[in-house]
mmCIF file of all heavy atoms, coordinates in Angstrom:
data_MODEL
# 
_entry.id   MODEL 
# 
loop_
_atom_site.group_PDB 
_atom_site.id 
_atom_site.type_symbol 
_atom_site.label_atom_id 
_atom_site.label_alt_id 
_atom_site.label_comp_id 
_atom_site.label_asym_id 
_atom_site.label_entity_id 
_atom_site.label_seq_id 
_atom_site.pdbx_PDB_ins_code 
_atom_site.Cartn_x 
_atom_site.Cartn_y 
_atom_site.Cartn_z 
_atom_site.occupancy 
_atom_site.B_iso_or_equiv 
_atom_site.pdbx_formal_charge 
_atom_site.auth_seq_id 
_atom_site.auth_comp_id 
_atom_site.auth_asym_id 
_atom_site.auth_atom_id 
_atom_site.pdbx_PDB_model_num 
ATOM 1   N N   . GLU A 1 1  ? 52.459 145.052 -52.718 1.00 0.00 ? 1  GLU A N   1 
ATOM 2   C CA  . GLU A 1 1  ? 53.691 145.188 -52.157 1.00 0.00 ? 1  GLU A CA  1 
ATOM 3   C C   . GLU A 1 1  ? 54.546 146.385 -52.617 1.00 0.00 ? 1  GLU A C   1 
ATOM 4   O O   . GLU A 1 1  ? 55.215 147.034 -51.780 1.00 0.00 ? 1  GLU A O   1 
ATOM 5   C CB  . GLU A 1 1  ? 54.550 143.893 -52.425 1.00 0.00 ? 1  GLU A CB  1 
ATOM 6   C CG  . GLU A 1 1  ? 53.958 142.684 -51.731 1.00 0.00 ? 1  GLU A CG  1 
ATOM 7   C CD  . GLU A 1 1  ? 54.834 141.452 -51.880 1.00 0.00 ? 1  GLU A CD  1 
ATOM 8   O OE1 . GLU A 1 1  ? 55.693 141.453 -52.824 1.00 0.00 ? 1  GLU A OE1 1 
ATOM 9   O OE2 . GLU A 1 1  ? 54.589 140.426 -51.180 1.00 0.00 ? 1  GLU A OE2 1 
ATOM 10  N N   . VAL A 1 2  ? 54.391 146.786 -53.838 1.00 0.00 ? 2  VAL A N   1 
ATOM 11  C CA  . VAL A 1 2  ? 55.016 148.006 -54.320 1.00 0.00 ? 2  VAL A CA  1 
ATOM 12  C C   . VAL A 1 2  ? 54.409 149.282 -53.623 1.00 0.00 ? 2  VAL A C   1 
ATOM 13  O O   . VAL A 1 2  ? 55.135 150.145 -53.172 1.00 0.00 ? 2  VAL A O   1 
ATOM 14  C CB  . VAL A 1 2  ? 54.894 148.101 -55.856 1.00 0.00 ? 2  VAL A CB  1 
ATOM 15  C CG1 . VAL A 1 2  ? 55.289 149.541 -56.267 1.00 0.00 ? 2  VAL A CG1 1 
ATOM 16  C CG2 . VAL A 1 2  ? 55.756 147.066 -56.560 1.00 0.00 ? 2  VAL A CG2 1 
ATOM 17  N N   . CYS A 1 3  ? 53.050 149.303 -53.478 1.00 0.00 ? 3  CYS A N   1 
ATOM 18  C CA  . CYS A 1 3  ? 52.458 150.404 -52.786 1.00 0.00 ? 3  CYS A CA  1 
ATOM 19  C C   . CYS A 1 3  ? 52.948 150.457 -51.344 1.00 0.00 ? 3  CYS A C   1 
ATOM 20  O O   . CYS A 1 3  ? 53.239 151.572 -50.894 1.00 0.00 ? 3  CYS A O   1 
ATOM 21  C CB  . CYS A 1 3  ? 50.887 150.254 -52.815 1.00 0.00 ? 3  CYS A CB  1 
ATOM 22  S SG  . CYS A 1 3  ? 50.191 150.408 -54.486 1.00 0.00 ? 3  CYS A SG  1 
ATOM 23  N N   . ALA A 1 4  ? 53.015 149.378 -50.633 1.00 0.00 ? 4  ALA A N   1 
ATOM 24  C CA  . ALA A 1 4  ? 53.445 149.399 -49.313 1.00 0.00 ? 4  ALA A CA  1 
ATOM 25  C C   . ALA A 1 4  ? 54.931 149.822 -49.231 1.00 0.00 ? 4  ALA A C   1 
ATOM 26  O O   . ALA A 1 4  ? 55.275 150.553 -48.354 1.00 0.00 ? 4  ALA A O   1 
ATOM 27  C CB  . ALA A 1 4  ? 53.171 147.992 -48.655 1.00 0.00 ? 4  ALA A CB  1 
ATOM 28  N N   . ALA A 1 5  ? 55.682 149.335 -50.182 1.00 0.00 ? 5  ALA A N   1 
ATOM 29  C CA  . ALA A 1 5  ? 57.141 149.689 -50.188 1.00 0.00 ? 5  ALA A CA  1 
ATOM 30  C C   . ALA A 1 5  ? 57.281 151.239 -50.320 1.00 0.00 ? 5  ALA A C   1 
ATOM 31  O O   . ALA A 1 5  ? 58.134 151.805 -49.650 1.00 0.00 ? 5  ALA A O   1 
ATOM 32  C CB  . ALA A 1 5  ? 57.868 148.922 -51.265 1.00 0.00 ? 5  ALA A CB  1 
ATOM 33  N N   . ILE A 1 6  ? 56.541 151.830 -51.176 1.00 0.00 ? 6  ILE A N   1 
ATOM 34  C CA  . ILE A 1 6  ? 56.687 153.291 -51.459 1.00 0.00 ? 6  ILE A CA  1 
ATOM 35  C C   . ILE A 1 6  ? 56.345 154.086 -50.201 1.00 0.00 ? 6  ILE A C   1 
ATOM 36  O O   . ILE A 1 6  ? 56.959 155.062 -49.939 1.00 0.00 ? 6  ILE A O   1 
ATOM 37  C CB  . ILE A 1 6  ? 55.784 153.653 -52.630 1.00 0.00 ? 6  ILE A CB  1 
ATOM 38  C CG1 . ILE A 1 6  ? 56.457 153.135 -53.934 1.00 0.00 ? 6  ILE A CG1 1 
ATOM 39  C CG2 . ILE A 1 6  ? 55.567 155.172 -52.703 1.00 0.00 ? 6  ILE A CG2 1 
ATOM 40  C CD1 . ILE A 1 6  ? 55.682 153.493 -55.118 1.00 0.00 ? 6  ILE A CD1 1 
ATOM 41  N N   . VAL A 1 7  ? 55.242 153.657 -49.492 1.00 0.00 ? 7  VAL A N   1 
ATOM 42  C CA  . VAL A 1 7  ? 54.856 154.457 -48.349 1.00 0.00 ? 7  VAL A CA  1 
ATOM 43  C C   . VAL A 1 7  ? 55.568 154.040 -47.022 1.00 0.00 ? 7  VAL A C   1 
ATOM 44  O O   . VAL A 1 7  ? 55.442 154.776 -46.012 1.00 0.00 ? 7  VAL A O   1 
ATOM 45  C CB  . VAL A 1 7  ? 53.320 154.361 -48.105 1.00 0.00 ? 7  VAL A CB  1 
ATOM 46  C CG1 . VAL A 1 7  ? 52.608 154.825 -49.322 1.00 0.00 ? 7  VAL A CG1 1 
ATOM 47  C CG2 . VAL A 1 7  ? 52.926 153.052 -47.698 1.00 0.00 ? 7  VAL A CG2 1 
ATOM 48  N N   . SER A 1 8  ? 56.345 152.921 -47.047 1.00 0.00 ? 8  SER A N   1 
ATOM 49  C CA  . SER A 1 8  ? 56.897 152.466 -45.742 1.00 0.00 ? 8  SER A CA  1 
ATOM 50  C C   . SER A 1 8  ? 57.858 153.503 -45.084 1.00 0.00 ? 8  SER A C   1 
ATOM 51  O O   . SER A 1 8  ? 57.864 153.593 -43.900 1.00 0.00 ? 8  SER A O   1 
ATOM 52  C CB  . SER A 1 8  ? 57.725 151.138 -46.051 1.00 0.00 ? 8  SER A CB  1 
ATOM 53  O OG  . SER A 1 8  ? 58.726 151.332 -46.917 1.00 0.00 ? 8  SER A OG  1 
ATOM 54  N N   . GLY A 1 9  ? 58.540 154.215 -45.916 1.00 0.00 ? 9  GLY A N   1 
ATOM 55  C CA  . GLY A 1 9  ? 59.447 155.270 -45.447 1.00 0.00 ? 9  GLY A CA  1 
ATOM 56  C C   . GLY A 1 9  ? 58.724 156.507 -44.853 1.00 0.00 ? 9  GLY A C   1 
ATOM 57  O O   . GLY A 1 9  ? 59.355 157.242 -44.190 1.00 0.00 ? 9  GLY A O   1 
ATOM 58  N N   . LEU A 1 10 ? 57.425 156.625 -45.115 1.00 0.00 ? 10 LEU A N   1 
ATOM 59  C CA  . LEU A 1 10 ? 56.648 157.735 -44.625 1.00 0.00 ? 10 LEU A CA  1 
ATOM 60  C C   . LEU A 1 10 ? 56.165 157.527 -43.199 1.00 0.00 ? 10 LEU A C   1 
ATOM 61  O O   . LEU A 1 10 ? 55.679 158.425 -42.528 1.00 0.00 ? 10 LEU A O   1 
ATOM 62  C CB  . LEU A 1 10 ? 55.450 157.967 -45.477 1.00 0.00 ? 10 LEU A CB  1 
ATOM 63  C CG  . LEU A 1 10 ? 55.801 158.410 -46.942 1.00 0.00 ? 10 LEU A CG  1 
ATOM 64  C CD1 . LEU A 1 10 ? 54.513 158.457 -47.807 1.00 0.00 ? 10 LEU A CD1 1 
ATOM 65  C CD2 . LEU A 1 10 ? 56.492 159.726 -47.005 1.00 0.00 ? 10 LEU A CD2 1 
ATOM 66  N N   . VAL A 1 11 ? 56.277 156.250 -42.721 1.00 0.00 ? 11 VAL A N   1 
ATOM 67  C CA  . VAL A 1 11 ? 55.930 156.012 -41.260 1.00 0.00 ? 11 VAL A CA  1 
ATOM 68  C C   . VAL A 1 11 ? 56.955 156.510 -40.425 1.00 0.00 ? 11 VAL A C   1 
ATOM 69  O O   . VAL A 1 11 ? 58.213 156.370 -40.625 1.00 0.00 ? 11 VAL A O   1 
ATOM 70  C CB  . VAL A 1 11 ? 55.678 154.452 -41.092 1.00 0.00 ? 11 VAL A CB  1 
ATOM 71  C CG1 . VAL A 1 11 ? 55.328 154.168 -39.679 1.00 0.00 ? 11 VAL A CG1 1 
ATOM 72  C CG2 . VAL A 1 11 ? 54.609 153.990 -42.122 1.00 0.00 ? 11 VAL A CG2 1 
ATOM 73  N N   . GLY A 1 12 ? 56.614 157.113 -39.277 1.00 0.00 ? 12 GLY A N   1 
ATOM 74  C CA  . GLY A 1 12 ? 57.652 157.614 -38.377 1.00 0.00 ? 12 GLY A CA  1 
ATOM 75  C C   . GLY A 1 12 ? 58.462 156.619 -37.835 1.00 0.00 ? 12 GLY A C   1 
ATOM 76  O O   . GLY A 1 12 ? 58.079 155.407 -37.671 1.00 0.00 ? 12 GLY A O   1 
ATOM 77  N N   . PRO A 1 13 ? 59.773 156.825 -37.485 1.00 0.00 ? 13 PRO A N   1 
ATOM 78  C CA  . PRO A 1 13 ? 60.722 155.827 -37.106 1.00 0.00 ? 13 PRO A CA  1 
ATOM 79  C C   . PRO A 1 13 ? 60.456 155.139 -35.797 1.00 0.00 ? 13 PRO A C   1 
ATOM 80  O O   . PRO A 1 13 ? 60.905 154.062 -35.457 1.00 0.00 ? 13 PRO A O   1 
ATOM 81  C CB  . PRO A 1 13 ? 62.054 156.551 -37.100 1.00 0.00 ? 13 PRO A CB  1 
ATOM 82  C CG  . PRO A 1 13 ? 61.701 158.010 -36.848 1.00 0.00 ? 13 PRO A CG  1 
ATOM 83  C CD  . PRO A 1 13 ? 60.420 158.216 -37.665 1.00 0.00 ? 13 PRO A CD  1 
ATOM 84  N N   . ASP A 1 14 ? 59.637 155.799 -34.973 1.00 0.00 ? 14 ASP A N   1 
ATOM 85  C CA  . ASP A 1 14 ? 59.464 155.281 -33.591 1.00 0.00 ? 14 ASP A CA  1 
ATOM 86  C C   . ASP A 1 14 ? 58.005 154.676 -33.480 1.00 0.00 ? 14 ASP A C   1 
ATOM 87  O O   . ASP A 1 14 ? 57.594 154.348 -32.417 1.00 0.00 ? 14 ASP A O   1 
ATOM 88  C CB  . ASP A 1 14 ? 59.524 156.381 -32.548 1.00 0.00 ? 14 ASP A CB  1 
ATOM 89  C CG  . ASP A 1 14 ? 60.928 157.017 -32.510 1.00 0.00 ? 14 ASP A CG  1 
ATOM 90  O OD1 . ASP A 1 14 ? 61.916 156.250 -32.668 1.00 0.00 ? 14 ASP A OD1 1 
ATOM 91  O OD2 . ASP A 1 14 ? 60.976 158.219 -32.327 1.00 0.00 ? 14 ASP A OD2 1 
ATOM 92  N N   . ALA A 1 15 ? 57.363 154.454 -34.600 1.00 0.00 ? 15 ALA A N   1 
ATOM 93  C CA  . ALA A 1 15 ? 55.995 153.900 -34.622 1.00 0.00 ? 15 ALA A CA  1 
ATOM 94  C C   . ALA A 1 15 ? 56.064 152.421 -33.995 1.00 0.00 ? 15 ALA A C   1 
ATOM 95  O O   . ALA A 1 15 ? 56.936 151.724 -34.350 1.00 0.00 ? 15 ALA A O   1 
ATOM 96  C CB  . ALA A 1 15 ? 55.371 153.817 -36.019 1.00 0.00 ? 15 ALA A CB  1 
ATOM 97  N N   . PRO A 1 16 ? 55.080 152.094 -33.151 1.00 0.00 ? 16 PRO A N   1 
ATOM 98  C CA  . PRO A 1 16 ? 55.056 150.698 -32.747 1.00 0.00 ? 16 PRO A CA  1 
ATOM 99  C C   . PRO A 1 16 ? 55.067 149.688 -33.815 1.00 0.00 ? 16 PRO A C   1 
ATOM 100 O O   . PRO A 1 16 ? 54.382 149.919 -34.870 1.00 0.00 ? 16 PRO A O   1 
ATOM 101 C CB  . PRO A 1 16 ? 53.832 150.661 -31.874 1.00 0.00 ? 16 PRO A CB  1 
ATOM 102 C CG  . PRO A 1 16 ? 53.569 152.124 -31.446 1.00 0.00 ? 16 PRO A CG  1 
ATOM 103 C CD  . PRO A 1 16 ? 54.069 152.927 -32.586 1.00 0.00 ? 16 PRO A CD  1 
ATOM 104 N N   . ASP A 1 17 ? 55.750 148.668 -33.756 1.00 0.00 ? 17 ASP A N   1 
ATOM 105 C CA  . ASP A 1 17 ? 55.855 147.731 -34.851 1.00 0.00 ? 17 ASP A CA  1 
ATOM 106 C C   . ASP A 1 17 ? 54.571 147.224 -35.325 1.00 0.00 ? 17 ASP A C   1 
ATOM 107 O O   . ASP A 1 17 ? 54.276 147.025 -36.510 1.00 0.00 ? 17 ASP A O   1 
ATOM 108 C CB  . ASP A 1 17 ? 56.757 146.528 -34.418 1.00 0.00 ? 17 ASP A CB  1 
ATOM 109 C CG  . ASP A 1 17 ? 57.442 145.896 -35.551 1.00 0.00 ? 17 ASP A CG  1 
ATOM 110 O OD1 . ASP A 1 17 ? 58.031 146.709 -36.440 1.00 0.00 ? 17 ASP A OD1 1 
ATOM 111 O OD2 . ASP A 1 17 ? 57.502 144.644 -35.677 1.00 0.00 ? 17 ASP A OD2 1 
ATOM 112 N N   . ALA A 1 18 ? 53.649 146.851 -34.414 1.00 0.00 ? 18 ALA A N   1 
ATOM 113 C CA  . ALA A 1 18 ? 52.311 146.325 -34.793 1.00 0.00 ? 18 ALA A CA  1 
ATOM 114 C C   . ALA A 1 18 ? 51.561 147.343 -35.574 1.00 0.00 ? 18 ALA A C   1 
ATOM 115 O O   . ALA A 1 18 ? 50.880 147.014 -36.588 1.00 0.00 ? 18 ALA A O   1 
ATOM 116 C CB  . ALA A 1 18 ? 51.487 145.875 -33.545 1.00 0.00 ? 18 ALA A CB  1 
ATOM 117 N N   . ASP A 1 19 ? 51.584 148.600 -35.190 1.00 0.00 ? 19 ASP A N   1 
ATOM 118 C CA  . ASP A 1 19 ? 50.760 149.629 -35.897 1.00 0.00 ? 19 ASP A CA  1 
ATOM 119 C C   . ASP A 1 19 ? 51.453 149.946 -37.148 1.00 0.00 ? 19 ASP A C   1 
ATOM 120 O O   . ASP A 1 19 ? 50.730 150.262 -38.207 1.00 0.00 ? 19 ASP A O   1 
ATOM 121 C CB  . ASP A 1 19 ? 50.760 150.859 -35.003 1.00 0.00 ? 19 ASP A CB  1 
ATOM 122 C CG  . ASP A 1 19 ? 49.976 150.697 -33.744 1.00 0.00 ? 19 ASP A CG  1 
ATOM 123 O OD1 . ASP A 1 19 ? 48.892 150.003 -33.752 1.00 0.00 ? 19 ASP A OD1 1 
ATOM 124 O OD2 . ASP A 1 19 ? 50.373 151.159 -32.650 1.00 0.00 ? 19 ASP A OD2 1 
ATOM 125 N N   . ARG A 1 20 ? 52.783 149.895 -37.291 1.00 0.00 ? 20 ARG A N   1 
ATOM 126 C CA  . ARG A 1 20 ? 53.452 150.103 -38.559 1.00 0.00 ? 20 ARG A CA  1 
ATOM 127 C C   . ARG A 1 20 ? 53.011 149.117 -39.605 1.00 0.00 ? 20 ARG A C   1 
ATOM 128 O O   . ARG A 1 20 ? 52.622 149.539 -40.693 1.00 0.00 ? 20 ARG A O   1 
ATOM 129 C CB  . ARG A 1 20 ? 54.980 150.077 -38.362 1.00 0.00 ? 20 ARG A CB  1 
ATOM 130 C CG  . ARG A 1 20 ? 55.756 150.072 -39.687 1.00 0.00 ? 20 ARG A CG  1 
ATOM 131 C CD  . ARG A 1 20 ? 57.214 149.759 -39.386 1.00 0.00 ? 20 ARG A CD  1 
ATOM 132 N NE  . ARG A 1 20 ? 57.834 150.699 -38.462 1.00 0.00 ? 20 ARG A NE  1 
ATOM 133 C CZ  . ARG A 1 20 ? 58.309 151.917 -38.887 1.00 0.00 ? 20 ARG A CZ  1 
ATOM 134 N NH1 . ARG A 1 20 ? 58.385 152.205 -40.151 1.00 0.00 ? 20 ARG A NH1 1 
ATOM 135 N NH2 . ARG A 1 20 ? 58.829 152.663 -38.042 1.00 0.00 ? 20 ARG A NH2 1 
ATOM 136 N N   . TRP A 1 21 ? 53.080 147.865 -39.190 1.00 0.00 ? 21 TRP A N   1 
ATOM 137 C CA  . TRP A 1 21 ? 52.796 146.794 -40.155 1.00 0.00 ? 21 TRP A CA  1 
ATOM 138 C C   . TRP A 1 21 ? 51.260 146.747 -40.503 1.00 0.00 ? 21 TRP A C   1 
ATOM 139 O O   . TRP A 1 21 ? 50.882 146.294 -41.559 1.00 0.00 ? 21 TRP A O   1 
ATOM 140 C CB  . TRP A 1 21 ? 53.308 145.463 -39.662 1.00 0.00 ? 21 TRP A CB  1 
ATOM 141 C CG  . TRP A 1 21 ? 54.747 145.383 -39.870 1.00 0.00 ? 21 TRP A CG  1 
ATOM 142 C CD1 . TRP A 1 21 ? 55.822 145.609 -38.983 1.00 0.00 ? 21 TRP A CD1 1 
ATOM 143 C CD2 . TRP A 1 21 ? 55.394 145.253 -41.119 1.00 0.00 ? 21 TRP A CD2 1 
ATOM 144 N NE1 . TRP A 1 21 ? 56.993 145.560 -39.619 1.00 0.00 ? 21 TRP A NE1 1 
ATOM 145 C CE2 . TRP A 1 21 ? 56.807 145.298 -40.964 1.00 0.00 ? 21 TRP A CE2 1 
ATOM 146 C CE3 . TRP A 1 21 ? 54.988 145.016 -42.436 1.00 0.00 ? 21 TRP A CE3 1 
ATOM 147 C CZ2 . TRP A 1 21 ? 57.862 145.215 -41.969 1.00 0.00 ? 21 TRP A CZ2 1 
ATOM 148 C CZ3 . TRP A 1 21 ? 55.914 144.913 -43.470 1.00 0.00 ? 21 TRP A CZ3 1 
ATOM 149 C CH2 . TRP A 1 21 ? 57.259 144.945 -43.287 1.00 0.00 ? 21 TRP A CH2 1 
ATOM 150 N N   . GLU A 1 22 ? 50.418 147.114 -39.547 1.00 0.00 ? 22 GLU A N   1 
ATOM 151 C CA  . GLU A 1 22 ? 48.948 147.126 -39.867 1.00 0.00 ? 22 GLU A CA  1 
ATOM 152 C C   . GLU A 1 22 ? 48.748 148.226 -40.902 1.00 0.00 ? 22 GLU A C   1 
ATOM 153 O O   . GLU A 1 22 ? 47.956 148.047 -41.842 1.00 0.00 ? 22 GLU A O   1 
ATOM 154 C CB  . GLU A 1 22 ? 48.081 147.381 -38.627 1.00 0.00 ? 22 GLU A CB  1 
ATOM 155 C CG  . GLU A 1 22 ? 46.635 147.360 -38.942 1.00 0.00 ? 22 GLU A CG  1 
ATOM 156 C CD  . GLU A 1 22 ? 45.728 147.410 -37.722 1.00 0.00 ? 22 GLU A CD  1 
ATOM 157 O OE1 . GLU A 1 22 ? 46.234 147.186 -36.614 1.00 0.00 ? 22 GLU A OE1 1 
ATOM 158 O OE2 . GLU A 1 22 ? 44.558 147.616 -37.845 1.00 0.00 ? 22 GLU A OE2 1 
ATOM 159 N N   . THR A 1 23 ? 49.339 149.401 -40.734 1.00 0.00 ? 23 THR A N   1 
ATOM 160 C CA  . THR A 1 23 ? 49.259 150.494 -41.750 1.00 0.00 ? 23 THR A CA  1 
ATOM 161 C C   . THR A 1 23 ? 49.683 150.060 -43.131 1.00 0.00 ? 23 THR A C   1 
ATOM 162 O O   . THR A 1 23 ? 49.067 150.324 -44.067 1.00 0.00 ? 23 THR A O   1 
ATOM 163 C CB  . THR A 1 23 ? 50.066 151.669 -41.287 1.00 0.00 ? 23 THR A CB  1 
ATOM 164 O OG1 . THR A 1 23 ? 49.491 152.147 -40.029 1.00 0.00 ? 23 THR A OG1 1 
ATOM 165 C CG2 . THR A 1 23 ? 50.053 152.840 -42.340 1.00 0.00 ? 23 THR A CG2 1 
ATOM 166 N N   . LEU A 1 24 ? 50.797 149.300 -43.192 1.00 0.00 ? 24 LEU A N   1 
ATOM 167 C CA  . LEU A 1 24 ? 51.318 148.918 -44.452 1.00 0.00 ? 24 LEU A CA  1 
ATOM 168 C C   . LEU A 1 24 ? 50.422 147.767 -45.040 1.00 0.00 ? 24 LEU A C   1 
ATOM 169 O O   . LEU A 1 24 ? 50.300 147.632 -46.300 1.00 0.00 ? 24 LEU A O   1 
ATOM 170 C CB  . LEU A 1 24 ? 52.749 148.373 -44.250 1.00 0.00 ? 24 LEU A CB  1 
ATOM 171 C CG  . LEU A 1 24 ? 53.767 149.415 -43.865 1.00 0.00 ? 24 LEU A CG  1 
ATOM 172 C CD1 . LEU A 1 24 ? 55.138 148.806 -43.797 1.00 0.00 ? 24 LEU A CD1 1 
ATOM 173 C CD2 . LEU A 1 24 ? 53.815 150.576 -44.823 1.00 0.00 ? 24 LEU A CD2 1 
ATOM 174 N N   . TRP A 1 25 ? 49.822 146.922 -44.266 1.00 0.00 ? 25 TRP A N   1 
ATOM 175 C CA  . TRP A 1 25 ? 48.948 145.825 -44.678 1.00 0.00 ? 25 TRP A CA  1 
ATOM 176 C C   . TRP A 1 25 ? 47.757 146.456 -45.473 1.00 0.00 ? 25 TRP A C   1 
ATOM 177 O O   . TRP A 1 25 ? 47.288 145.937 -46.488 1.00 0.00 ? 25 TRP A O   1 
ATOM 178 C CB  . TRP A 1 25 ? 48.511 145.039 -43.565 1.00 0.00 ? 25 TRP A CB  1 
ATOM 179 C CG  . TRP A 1 25 ? 47.544 143.838 -43.891 1.00 0.00 ? 25 TRP A CG  1 
ATOM 180 C CD1 . TRP A 1 25 ? 46.234 143.741 -43.596 1.00 0.00 ? 25 TRP A CD1 1 
ATOM 181 C CD2 . TRP A 1 25 ? 47.972 142.697 -44.649 1.00 0.00 ? 25 TRP A CD2 1 
ATOM 182 N NE1 . TRP A 1 25 ? 45.744 142.634 -44.154 1.00 0.00 ? 25 TRP A NE1 1 
ATOM 183 C CE2 . TRP A 1 25 ? 46.779 141.923 -44.770 1.00 0.00 ? 25 TRP A CE2 1 
ATOM 184 C CE3 . TRP A 1 25 ? 49.113 142.266 -45.234 1.00 0.00 ? 25 TRP A CE3 1 
ATOM 185 C CZ2 . TRP A 1 25 ? 46.762 140.667 -45.418 1.00 0.00 ? 25 TRP A CZ2 1 
ATOM 186 C CZ3 . TRP A 1 25 ? 49.063 141.024 -45.851 1.00 0.00 ? 25 TRP A CZ3 1 
ATOM 187 C CH2 . TRP A 1 25 ? 47.905 140.328 -45.966 1.00 0.00 ? 25 TRP A CH2 1 
ATOM 188 N N   . HIS A 1 26 ? 47.265 147.565 -44.967 1.00 0.00 ? 26 HIS A N   1 
ATOM 189 C CA  . HIS A 1 26 ? 46.225 148.210 -45.698 1.00 0.00 ? 26 HIS A CA  1 
ATOM 190 C C   . HIS A 1 26 ? 46.576 148.448 -47.163 1.00 0.00 ? 26 HIS A C   1 
ATOM 191 O O   . HIS A 1 26 ? 45.820 148.389 -48.063 1.00 0.00 ? 26 HIS A O   1 
ATOM 192 C CB  . HIS A 1 26 ? 45.751 149.570 -44.986 1.00 0.00 ? 26 HIS A CB  1 
ATOM 193 C CG  . HIS A 1 26 ? 45.308 149.367 -43.598 1.00 0.00 ? 26 HIS A CG  1 
ATOM 194 N ND1 . HIS A 1 26 ? 45.273 150.346 -42.625 1.00 0.00 ? 26 HIS A ND1 1 
ATOM 195 C CD2 . HIS A 1 26 ? 44.770 148.272 -42.956 1.00 0.00 ? 26 HIS A CD2 1 
ATOM 196 C CE1 . HIS A 1 26 ? 44.815 149.910 -41.535 1.00 0.00 ? 26 HIS A CE1 1 
ATOM 197 N NE2 . HIS A 1 26 ? 44.516 148.653 -41.719 1.00 0.00 ? 26 HIS A NE2 1 
ATOM 198 N N   . TYR A 1 27 ? 47.846 148.949 -47.324 1.00 0.00 ? 27 TYR A N   1 
ATOM 199 C CA  . TYR A 1 27 ? 48.277 149.293 -48.702 1.00 0.00 ? 27 TYR A CA  1 
ATOM 200 C C   . TYR A 1 27 ? 48.507 147.998 -49.555 1.00 0.00 ? 27 TYR A C   1 
ATOM 201 O O   . TYR A 1 27 ? 48.342 147.985 -50.712 1.00 0.00 ? 27 TYR A O   1 
ATOM 202 C CB  . TYR A 1 27 ? 49.568 150.078 -48.606 1.00 0.00 ? 27 TYR A CB  1 
ATOM 203 C CG  . TYR A 1 27 ? 49.293 151.565 -48.460 1.00 0.00 ? 27 TYR A CG  1 
ATOM 204 C CD1 . TYR A 1 27 ? 49.068 152.142 -47.290 1.00 0.00 ? 27 TYR A CD1 1 
ATOM 205 C CD2 . TYR A 1 27 ? 49.118 152.356 -49.571 1.00 0.00 ? 27 TYR A CD2 1 
ATOM 206 C CE1 . TYR A 1 27 ? 48.720 153.471 -47.056 1.00 0.00 ? 27 TYR A CE1 1 
ATOM 207 C CE2 . TYR A 1 27 ? 48.780 153.741 -49.506 1.00 0.00 ? 27 TYR A CE2 1 
ATOM 208 C CZ  . TYR A 1 27 ? 48.518 154.200 -48.198 1.00 0.00 ? 27 TYR A CZ  1 
ATOM 209 O OH  . TYR A 1 27 ? 48.173 155.538 -48.063 1.00 0.00 ? 27 TYR A OH  1 
# 
């Protein structure tokens, strides 16, 4: 969860919600 939190702000603001959260799930 810490790893995902650190990179969450690096995702573009207009990213589709499903793709954003799949990216963070990998972390």
